[in-house]
Protein backbone atom coordinates (compact mmCIF):
# COMPACT_ATOMS: atom_id res chain seq x y z
CA MET A 1 62.77 -74.99 36.35
CA PRO A 2 63.95 -78.46 35.52
CA VAL A 3 61.34 -81.03 34.52
CA GLU A 4 60.82 -83.61 37.18
CA THR A 5 61.17 -87.15 35.68
CA GLU A 6 59.53 -90.22 36.89
CA THR A 7 61.70 -92.84 38.68
CA LEU A 8 62.14 -96.38 37.40
CA GLU A 9 59.94 -97.66 40.24
CA GLN A 10 57.16 -95.26 39.29
CA ARG A 11 57.32 -96.21 35.65
CA LEU A 12 57.37 -99.93 36.60
CA LYS A 13 54.21 -99.62 38.53
CA ALA A 14 52.46 -97.68 35.80
CA GLN A 15 53.49 -100.46 33.39
CA ALA A 16 52.19 -103.07 35.73
CA LEU A 17 48.79 -101.41 35.73
CA ALA A 18 48.83 -101.13 31.95
CA LEU A 19 49.42 -104.93 31.77
CA GLY A 20 46.27 -105.71 33.82
CA PHE A 21 47.66 -105.81 37.36
CA ALA A 22 45.61 -104.00 40.07
CA ASP A 23 48.68 -103.19 42.23
CA CYS A 24 52.43 -103.35 42.25
CA ARG A 25 54.78 -102.93 45.18
CA ILE A 26 58.51 -103.56 45.85
CA ALA A 27 60.18 -105.24 48.84
CA PRO A 28 63.73 -105.99 49.63
CA ALA A 29 64.65 -109.68 49.46
CA ASP A 30 64.71 -109.95 53.37
CA ALA A 31 61.22 -108.38 53.81
CA ALA A 32 59.69 -111.55 55.39
CA PRO A 33 62.33 -112.74 57.89
CA LEU A 34 59.85 -114.72 59.93
CA ALA A 35 58.31 -116.73 56.95
CA GLY A 36 60.80 -119.57 57.10
CA GLU A 37 60.32 -120.32 60.73
CA ARG A 38 56.60 -120.08 60.53
CA LEU A 39 56.55 -122.38 57.50
CA ARG A 40 58.56 -124.90 59.48
CA GLN A 41 56.06 -124.80 62.37
CA TRP A 42 53.23 -125.32 60.00
CA LEU A 43 54.87 -128.25 58.44
CA ASP A 44 55.94 -129.85 61.76
CA ALA A 45 52.33 -129.73 62.84
CA GLY A 46 51.33 -131.66 59.65
CA HIS A 47 49.03 -128.91 58.45
CA HIS A 48 50.16 -129.43 54.85
CA GLY A 49 48.52 -132.85 54.54
CA ASP A 50 49.46 -134.55 51.27
CA MET A 51 51.14 -131.49 49.83
CA LEU A 52 54.66 -133.08 50.22
CA TRP A 53 56.17 -130.62 47.92
CA MET A 54 55.82 -127.99 50.61
CA GLU A 55 58.13 -130.00 52.75
CA GLU A 56 60.55 -131.13 50.09
CA ARG A 57 61.53 -127.65 49.15
CA ALA A 58 60.99 -125.89 52.44
CA GLU A 59 64.44 -124.40 52.58
CA GLN A 60 64.12 -122.81 49.26
CA ARG A 61 60.57 -121.60 50.09
CA GLY A 62 61.55 -120.11 53.40
CA SER A 63 63.29 -117.00 51.83
CA PRO A 64 63.96 -115.50 48.50
CA GLN A 65 67.68 -116.05 48.94
CA GLY A 66 67.15 -119.70 49.63
CA LEU A 67 65.77 -120.12 46.22
CA TRP A 68 68.26 -117.61 44.44
CA PRO A 69 71.11 -116.17 46.42
CA ASP A 70 71.59 -113.25 44.07
CA VAL A 71 68.09 -111.77 44.51
CA ARG A 72 68.13 -108.25 45.88
CA SER A 73 64.61 -106.99 45.32
CA VAL A 74 61.16 -108.56 44.98
CA ILE A 75 58.46 -107.08 42.92
CA MET A 76 55.08 -108.16 44.15
CA LEU A 77 52.01 -107.86 42.00
CA GLY A 78 48.33 -108.37 42.54
CA MET A 79 45.78 -109.12 39.77
CA SER A 80 42.19 -108.59 40.90
CA TYR A 81 39.44 -111.26 40.29
CA ALA A 82 36.71 -109.48 42.46
CA PRO A 83 33.41 -111.23 41.66
CA GLY A 84 30.49 -109.41 40.22
CA ARG A 85 27.99 -111.49 42.21
CA ASP A 86 27.70 -112.95 45.61
CA PRO A 87 29.99 -115.96 45.92
CA LEU A 88 27.76 -117.60 48.48
CA ALA A 89 24.46 -117.29 46.47
CA LEU A 90 24.21 -120.94 45.76
CA ALA A 91 24.82 -122.10 49.30
CA ASP A 92 21.29 -123.36 49.72
CA VAL A 93 20.52 -124.44 45.99
CA ALA A 94 20.67 -128.29 46.62
CA ASP A 95 20.96 -129.64 43.03
CA ARG A 96 23.53 -127.13 41.85
CA ALA A 97 27.30 -127.21 42.25
CA ARG A 98 29.55 -124.41 43.41
CA PHE A 99 32.95 -123.61 42.01
CA SER A 100 35.32 -121.31 43.74
CA VAL A 101 35.29 -117.81 42.13
CA TYR A 102 38.89 -117.88 41.05
CA ALA A 103 38.36 -121.00 39.01
CA GLN A 104 35.31 -119.82 36.94
CA GLY A 105 37.38 -117.77 34.41
CA LYS A 106 40.62 -118.48 32.57
CA ASP A 107 43.53 -120.22 34.33
CA TYR A 108 45.29 -117.63 36.40
CA HIS A 109 48.61 -119.27 36.02
CA ASP A 110 48.50 -118.58 32.29
CA VAL A 111 47.14 -115.08 32.60
CA VAL A 112 49.33 -113.81 35.32
CA LYS A 113 52.52 -115.37 34.00
CA LYS A 114 52.01 -113.90 30.64
CA ALA A 115 51.66 -110.52 32.15
CA LEU A 116 54.64 -111.06 34.46
CA LYS A 117 56.88 -111.98 31.54
CA ALA A 118 55.83 -108.83 29.71
CA LEU A 119 56.66 -106.74 32.61
CA ALA A 120 59.99 -108.52 33.15
CA ARG A 121 60.88 -107.78 29.45
CA TRP A 122 60.00 -104.18 29.83
CA LEU A 123 62.09 -103.88 32.99
CA VAL A 124 65.13 -105.50 31.43
CA GLU A 125 64.85 -102.97 28.60
CA GLN A 126 64.88 -100.16 31.08
CA GLN A 127 67.72 -101.45 33.23
CA SER A 128 69.86 -104.56 32.75
CA GLY A 129 69.83 -107.24 35.39
CA ALA A 130 68.88 -110.86 35.88
CA LEU A 131 65.28 -111.67 37.00
CA LYS A 132 62.98 -114.59 37.58
CA VAL A 133 59.15 -114.63 37.47
CA PHE A 134 56.91 -116.82 39.51
CA VAL A 135 53.25 -117.64 39.73
CA ASP A 136 52.15 -120.14 42.41
CA THR A 137 54.07 -123.20 41.15
CA ALA A 138 57.51 -122.25 42.53
CA PRO A 139 58.69 -122.45 46.05
CA VAL A 140 57.87 -118.77 46.91
CA MET A 141 56.17 -117.35 49.99
CA GLU A 142 54.01 -114.94 48.05
CA LYS A 143 51.84 -113.68 50.85
CA PRO A 144 54.39 -112.74 53.45
CA LEU A 145 56.42 -111.11 50.72
CA ALA A 146 53.34 -109.27 49.45
CA GLN A 147 52.75 -107.99 53.13
CA GLY A 148 56.46 -106.98 53.27
CA ALA A 149 55.88 -105.10 50.02
CA GLY A 150 52.76 -103.26 51.19
CA LEU A 151 50.40 -105.02 48.88
CA GLY A 152 48.23 -106.13 51.78
CA TRP A 153 48.42 -108.29 54.95
CA GLN A 154 47.81 -111.83 55.71
CA GLY A 155 44.42 -112.08 57.38
CA LYS A 156 43.27 -114.50 59.95
CA HIS A 157 42.21 -116.74 57.13
CA SER A 158 45.93 -116.86 56.09
CA ASN A 159 45.17 -115.23 52.72
CA LEU A 160 46.25 -111.74 51.58
CA VAL A 161 43.80 -108.90 52.21
CA SER A 162 44.11 -105.57 50.57
CA ARG A 163 42.42 -102.35 51.78
CA ALA A 164 41.68 -101.70 48.07
CA HIS A 165 40.80 -105.11 46.72
CA GLY A 166 39.73 -107.19 49.55
CA SER A 167 40.52 -110.90 49.49
CA TRP A 168 40.34 -111.10 45.71
CA LEU A 169 43.95 -110.90 44.46
CA PHE A 170 46.06 -113.38 42.51
CA LEU A 171 49.71 -112.83 43.43
CA GLY A 172 52.78 -112.93 41.18
CA ALA A 173 56.39 -112.24 41.89
CA ILE A 174 59.44 -111.04 40.11
CA TYR A 175 62.83 -111.73 41.79
CA THR A 176 65.56 -109.43 40.58
CA GLU A 177 69.34 -108.83 41.28
CA MET A 178 68.46 -105.12 40.72
CA THR A 179 68.36 -102.92 43.88
CA LEU A 180 65.01 -101.13 43.68
CA SER A 181 63.61 -98.65 46.10
CA ALA A 182 61.22 -100.53 48.43
CA ASP A 183 57.76 -99.63 49.60
CA ALA A 184 56.70 -99.67 53.20
CA GLY A 185 55.23 -102.94 54.43
CA GLU A 186 51.59 -103.19 55.39
CA ARG A 187 50.32 -103.73 58.96
CA ASP A 188 47.64 -106.21 60.18
CA HIS A 189 44.11 -104.39 59.94
CA CYS A 190 42.10 -107.49 61.06
CA GLY A 191 41.57 -106.20 64.54
CA ASN A 192 39.13 -108.29 66.67
CA CYS A 193 37.19 -109.59 63.58
CA ARG A 194 36.61 -113.29 63.41
CA ALA A 195 34.31 -113.39 60.43
CA CYS A 196 36.57 -115.66 58.31
CA LEU A 197 37.19 -118.05 61.16
CA ASN A 198 33.58 -118.41 62.14
CA ALA A 199 32.53 -118.98 58.56
CA CYS A 200 34.52 -122.08 57.88
CA PRO A 201 32.18 -125.01 57.42
CA THR A 202 34.85 -127.64 58.44
CA ASP A 203 36.64 -125.77 61.32
CA ALA A 204 39.96 -125.68 59.41
CA PHE A 205 41.51 -122.96 61.50
CA PRO A 206 43.16 -124.26 64.82
CA SER A 207 43.95 -120.62 65.50
CA PRO A 208 43.88 -117.34 63.81
CA TYR A 209 46.28 -117.08 60.84
CA VAL A 210 46.74 -120.84 60.80
CA VAL A 211 44.95 -123.14 58.40
CA ASP A 212 44.94 -126.87 58.74
CA ALA A 213 44.84 -127.99 55.05
CA ARG A 214 43.66 -131.38 56.09
CA ARG A 215 40.28 -129.87 57.10
CA CYS A 216 40.11 -127.15 54.38
CA ILE A 217 37.54 -127.71 51.65
CA SER A 218 39.86 -126.26 49.06
CA TYR A 219 42.54 -128.73 49.91
CA LEU A 220 40.04 -131.65 50.14
CA THR A 221 38.38 -130.95 46.82
CA ILE A 222 41.52 -129.94 44.86
CA GLU A 223 44.77 -131.31 46.32
CA HIS A 224 43.57 -134.49 48.14
CA LYS A 225 43.32 -137.57 45.97
CA GLY A 226 41.93 -140.16 48.16
CA PRO A 227 38.53 -140.57 49.92
CA ILE A 228 37.40 -137.44 51.66
CA PRO A 229 37.06 -138.18 55.40
CA GLU A 230 33.34 -138.93 56.23
CA GLU A 231 33.22 -136.60 59.20
CA LEU A 232 34.07 -133.61 56.91
CA ARG A 233 31.66 -134.45 54.02
CA ALA A 234 28.57 -132.71 55.31
CA GLY A 235 30.51 -129.48 55.63
CA ILE A 236 31.48 -129.60 51.97
CA GLY A 237 27.89 -129.03 51.04
CA ASN A 238 27.55 -128.44 47.33
CA ARG A 239 31.12 -127.24 46.74
CA VAL A 240 32.85 -129.31 44.03
CA TYR A 241 36.03 -127.18 43.53
CA GLY A 242 37.38 -124.90 46.28
CA CYS A 243 35.62 -122.76 48.79
CA ASP A 244 35.13 -119.02 49.11
CA ASP A 245 33.49 -118.79 52.43
CA CYS A 246 36.34 -117.33 54.53
CA LEU A 247 37.22 -114.88 51.76
CA ALA A 248 33.68 -113.85 50.90
CA VAL A 249 32.77 -112.87 54.45
CA CYS A 250 35.82 -110.52 54.89
CA PRO A 251 34.52 -107.02 55.76
CA TRP A 252 37.32 -105.46 53.55
CA ASN A 253 35.66 -106.84 50.46
CA LYS A 254 33.27 -103.86 50.58
CA PHE A 255 36.11 -101.78 49.09
CA ALA A 256 36.75 -104.31 46.26
CA ASP A 257 35.41 -103.23 42.85
CA ALA A 258 34.41 -105.97 40.40
CA ALA A 259 35.00 -103.42 37.70
CA ALA A 260 38.75 -103.46 38.55
CA ALA A 261 38.95 -107.25 38.04
CA ASN A 262 40.86 -108.51 35.12
CA ARG A 263 38.36 -109.41 32.33
CA ALA A 264 40.18 -112.79 31.88
CA PHE A 265 38.66 -113.92 35.11
CA VAL A 266 35.01 -113.09 34.47
CA GLY A 267 33.25 -116.35 35.15
CA ARG A 268 32.08 -118.52 32.30
CA ALA A 269 28.29 -118.91 32.18
CA GLU A 270 28.35 -122.74 32.30
CA LEU A 271 30.35 -122.72 35.52
CA ALA A 272 27.93 -120.34 37.33
CA ALA A 273 25.52 -122.87 38.61
CA PRO A 274 25.97 -126.27 36.86
CA GLU A 275 23.68 -129.15 37.77
CA ILE A 276 25.37 -131.76 40.02
CA ALA A 277 23.78 -134.48 37.81
CA ASP A 278 25.69 -133.27 34.80
CA LEU A 279 29.01 -133.41 36.65
CA LEU A 280 28.23 -136.94 37.75
CA ALA A 281 27.82 -138.00 34.06
CA LEU A 282 31.32 -136.70 33.06
CA ASN A 283 33.68 -139.02 31.31
CA ASP A 284 37.39 -138.06 30.77
CA ALA A 285 36.80 -136.68 27.39
CA GLY A 286 33.91 -134.62 28.48
CA PHE A 287 35.76 -133.35 31.54
CA ARG A 288 38.69 -132.18 29.35
CA GLU A 289 36.38 -130.49 26.81
CA ILE A 290 34.46 -128.49 29.43
CA PHE A 291 37.44 -127.53 31.65
CA SER A 292 40.02 -126.78 29.00
CA GLY A 293 41.71 -123.48 29.69
CA SER A 294 40.54 -123.52 33.32
CA PRO A 295 42.46 -124.23 36.47
CA ILE A 296 39.92 -126.89 37.15
CA LYS A 297 41.42 -129.18 34.52
CA ARG A 298 44.38 -129.93 36.93
CA ILE A 299 42.19 -132.27 39.16
CA GLY A 300 40.97 -134.52 36.41
CA ARG A 301 37.78 -136.23 35.84
CA ASN A 302 37.94 -138.69 38.78
CA ARG A 303 38.37 -136.04 41.49
CA MET A 304 35.69 -133.82 39.96
CA VAL A 305 33.12 -136.79 39.89
CA ARG A 306 34.16 -137.74 43.50
CA ASN A 307 33.46 -134.20 44.57
CA ALA A 308 30.11 -134.19 42.74
CA ALA A 309 29.17 -137.36 44.49
CA ILE A 310 29.83 -135.92 47.98
CA ALA A 311 27.77 -132.86 46.84
CA ALA A 312 24.89 -135.16 45.66
CA GLY A 313 24.97 -136.99 48.98
CA ASN A 314 24.66 -133.69 50.79
CA SER A 315 21.86 -132.40 48.59
CA GLY A 316 18.88 -134.33 50.07
CA GLU A 317 17.69 -134.80 46.49
CA PRO A 318 16.71 -138.54 45.99
CA LYS A 319 16.38 -137.72 42.23
CA LEU A 320 20.21 -137.77 42.04
CA ILE A 321 20.32 -141.46 42.90
CA ALA A 322 19.74 -142.36 39.28
CA ALA A 323 22.88 -140.34 38.29
CA LEU A 324 24.90 -141.92 41.10
CA THR A 325 23.98 -145.47 40.46
CA PRO A 326 26.24 -146.12 37.34
CA LEU A 327 29.14 -144.81 39.46
CA VAL A 328 28.99 -147.57 41.95
CA GLY A 329 30.88 -149.69 39.42
CA ASP A 330 33.39 -146.81 38.40
CA ASP A 331 36.96 -147.90 37.50
CA ASP A 332 38.18 -145.48 40.13
CA PRO A 333 37.59 -146.99 43.65
CA VAL A 334 37.46 -143.54 45.25
CA VAL A 335 34.68 -142.48 42.85
CA ALA A 336 32.81 -145.66 43.47
CA GLU A 337 32.99 -145.34 47.32
CA ALA A 338 31.80 -141.72 47.20
CA ALA A 339 28.88 -142.84 45.03
CA ARG A 340 27.90 -145.63 47.40
CA TRP A 341 28.14 -143.19 50.33
CA ALA A 342 25.99 -140.61 48.51
CA ILE A 343 23.29 -143.21 47.72
CA GLY A 344 23.22 -144.23 51.24
CA GLN A 345 22.71 -140.67 52.43
CA LEU A 346 19.91 -140.06 49.93
CA GLY A 347 18.29 -143.34 50.41
CA SER A 348 18.13 -142.91 54.28
């Protein structure tokens, strides 16, 4: 009997796993036909806040062909960062700061892109054809395409949910002019569950599957450069970079295995439970030293100290007034305002 040989697609998926990805699926370039219109509705509602690049390149973002007309297939990849401990464990520890799980290890942009490039080189060696790799920074609708490829589905919190990996996947994409056999798309498995919607501390979901970034803690602590609206500050609690609440409460996480997480994303010990007072004392050099190689470095010292001041104001710990007082005269007026507000909260 003839020996059955593996297809290119099967070998591609095996190679992806060998490079550290948790899953790899393939979609045709038109696998997310509604993504562009949904993006436009989201933008028209102003839900993107200050993220003007979402609007400036909306046409390219709306479909793979809008960015690259020659694309025929999209290879969607997921790399797990499933945490080994409860992401909500520090919720009630007043003098400690909370960093989002994804940011406690190495910068995912670097890790995922390196693996994507290696997979792309392997694929070109097997079959010639032009391709492009993307990790988060290009106008690519990763989540709808991932659902079209069968990697998971967009949950009510708008993030991807995988039956095998829960809500803990970094996504990467390879666009190629090759025509590859596609996988079946994934259907929605959220059912009547509202756990993620109910968990949001700032009520950032005007409706299921829609997030208003202007109220989202991840947006406020990472993307937003100005003062954080006062009516949202209490909801931020002790979070200084991102928020995991809507992800952490997803019931599908019970199937996620921390052992399957890429080791590059194992959290650094110094980011597990840092003291808010230490973050308030950061200067620019100290910030860059601590967060070198981390995605946190992108927000810079000023936004980090602003966030720490908000966390201090929420702490109920008058001892933090001593660390806040020097910041009242900070060169950054946003930091100075946050420090004054925090002192007022603690003093009262």
